[in-house]
Amino acid sequence: MMRKEELAVMRAVAICHKPYLKPEEALIYCNLGRTQFAKKCEEFGIVKNNSGYYKRDDLNVMLSGGYQSNT
């Protein structure tokens, strides 16, 4: 049986390889609080897709401080 710590590490690794993240996973991936995350997403124009997921590539651009055009 796996320990709690091992399960947490496995989930963290899985999050890093998923192309789309649930809102809770996106908060963990970005290591931001809910309010900070919402402000950053608004600043960079990042929105959830129709299924309610965030695109990991968009989050990477946000975390790197890069510019993303909205075209």
C-alpha atoms as a PDB file:
ATOM      1  CA  MET A   1       0.000   0.000   0.000  1.00  0.00           C
ATOM      2  CA  MET A   2       1.271   3.477  -0.877  1.00  0.00           C
ATOM      3  CA  ARG A   3       1.903   6.070   1.781  1.00  0.00           C
ATOM      4  CA  LYS A   4       0.212   9.460   1.704  1.00  0.00           C
ATOM      5  CA  GLU A   5       3.471  11.220   0.753  1.00  0.00           C
ATOM      6  CA  GLU A   6       4.097   8.885  -2.179  1.00  0.00           C
ATOM      7  CA  LEU A   7       0.588   9.461  -3.468  1.00  0.00           C
ATOM      8  CA  ALA A   8       1.052  13.246  -3.250  1.00  0.00           C
ATOM      9  CA  VAL A   9       4.302  13.043  -5.229  1.00  0.00           C
ATOM     10  CA  MET A  10       2.696  10.866  -7.898  1.00  0.00           C
ATOM     11  CA  ARG A  11      -0.196  13.341  -8.271  1.00  0.00           C
ATOM     12  CA  ALA A  12       2.246  16.267  -8.527  1.00  0.00           C
ATOM     13  CA  VAL A  13       4.198  14.511 -11.285  1.00  0.00           C
ATOM     14  CA  ALA A  14       0.967  13.698 -13.122  1.00  0.00           C
ATOM     15  CA  ILE A  15      -0.114  17.356 -12.955  1.00  0.00           C
ATOM     16  CA  CYS A  16       3.141  18.418 -14.604  1.00  0.00           C
ATOM     17  CA  HIS A  17       2.478  16.183 -17.610  1.00  0.00           C
ATOM     18  CA  LYS A  18      -1.211  16.876 -18.215  1.00  0.00           C
ATOM     19  CA  PRO A  19      -1.989  19.282 -21.086  1.00  0.00           C
ATOM     20  CA  TYR A  20      -5.149  20.602 -19.393  1.00  0.00           C
ATOM     21  CA  LEU A  21      -5.577  21.229 -15.670  1.00  0.00           C
ATOM     22  CA  LYS A  22      -8.622  21.465 -13.437  1.00  0.00           C
ATOM     23  CA  PRO A  23      -8.856  24.753 -11.480  1.00  0.00           C
ATOM     24  CA  GLU A  24      -7.604  23.088  -8.275  1.00  0.00           C
ATOM     25  CA  GLU A  25      -4.688  21.520 -10.144  1.00  0.00           C
ATOM     26  CA  ALA A  26      -3.866  24.861 -11.762  1.00  0.00           C
ATOM     27  CA  LEU A  27      -3.620  26.478  -8.327  1.00  0.00           C
ATOM     28  CA  ILE A  28      -1.175  23.786  -7.213  1.00  0.00           C
ATOM     29  CA  TYR A  29       0.787  23.960 -10.476  1.00  0.00           C
ATOM     30  CA  CYS A  30       1.195  27.747 -10.230  1.00  0.00           C
ATOM     31  CA  ASN A  31       1.760  27.713  -6.462  1.00  0.00           C
ATOM     32  CA  LEU A  32      -0.553  30.705  -6.053  1.00  0.00           C
ATOM     33  CA  GLY A  33      -3.531  31.402  -3.843  1.00  0.00           C
ATOM     34  CA  ARG A  34      -6.973  31.621  -5.394  1.00  0.00           C
ATOM     35  CA  THR A  35      -7.030  35.451  -5.425  1.00  0.00           C
ATOM     36  CA  GLN A  36      -3.499  35.811  -6.819  1.00  0.00           C
ATOM     37  CA  PHE A  37      -4.243  33.197  -9.456  1.00  0.00           C
ATOM     38  CA  ALA A  38      -7.415  35.003 -10.539  1.00  0.00           C
ATOM     39  CA  LYS A  39      -5.555  38.334 -10.834  1.00  0.00           C
ATOM     40  CA  LYS A  40      -2.742  36.784 -12.870  1.00  0.00           C
ATOM     41  CA  CYS A  41      -5.180  35.012 -15.194  1.00  0.00           C
ATOM     42  CA  GLU A  42      -7.038  38.256 -15.772  1.00  0.00           C
ATOM     43  CA  GLU A  43      -3.773  40.105 -16.422  1.00  0.00           C
ATOM     44  CA  PHE A  44      -2.640  37.553 -19.005  1.00  0.00           C
ATOM     45  CA  GLY A  45      -6.072  36.903 -20.500  1.00  0.00           C
ATOM     46  CA  ILE A  46      -6.147  33.249 -19.491  1.00  0.00           C
ATOM     47  CA  VAL A  47      -9.599  31.706 -19.286  1.00  0.00           C
ATOM     48  CA  LYS A  48     -10.966  28.206 -18.813  1.00  0.00           C
ATOM     49  CA  ASN A  49     -12.057  26.312 -21.902  1.00  0.00           C
ATOM     50  CA  ASN A  50     -15.644  25.140 -22.391  1.00  0.00           C
ATOM     51  CA  SER A  51     -14.953  22.043 -20.298  1.00  0.00           C
ATOM     52  CA  GLY A  52     -13.700  24.113 -17.343  1.00  0.00           C
ATOM     53  CA  TYR A  53      -9.991  23.330 -17.720  1.00  0.00           C
ATOM     54  CA  TYR A  54      -6.938  25.603 -18.025  1.00  0.00           C
ATOM     55  CA  LYS A  55      -4.392  24.974 -20.768  1.00  0.00           C
ATOM     56  CA  ARG A  56      -1.014  24.199 -19.187  1.00  0.00           C
ATOM     57  CA  ASP A  57       0.901  25.973 -21.962  1.00  0.00           C
ATOM     58  CA  ASP A  58      -0.972  29.212 -21.191  1.00  0.00           C
ATOM     59  CA  LEU A  59      -0.118  28.814 -17.516  1.00  0.00           C
ATOM     60  CA  ASN A  60       3.549  28.308 -18.418  1.00  0.00           C
ATOM     61  CA  VAL A  61       3.538  31.602 -20.334  1.00  0.00           C
ATOM     62  CA  MET A  62       1.966  33.308 -17.330  1.00  0.00           C
ATOM     63  CA  LEU A  63       4.522  31.841 -14.922  1.00  0.00           C
ATOM     64  CA  SER A  64       7.434  32.865 -17.133  1.00  0.00           C
ATOM     65  CA  GLY A  65       6.122  36.422 -17.299  1.00  0.00           C
ATOM     66  CA  GLY A  66       5.994  36.223 -21.094  1.00  0.00           C
ATOM     67  CA  TYR A  67       3.603  38.011 -23.370  1.00  0.00           C
ATOM     68  CA  GLN A  68       0.691  36.202 -24.941  1.00  0.00           C
ATOM     69  CA  SER A  69      -1.166  37.793 -27.820  1.00  0.00           C
ATOM     70  CA  ASN A  70      -4.930  37.407 -27.890  1.00  0.00           C
ATOM     71  CA  THR A  71      -5.152  36.797 -31.640  1.00  0.00           C
END
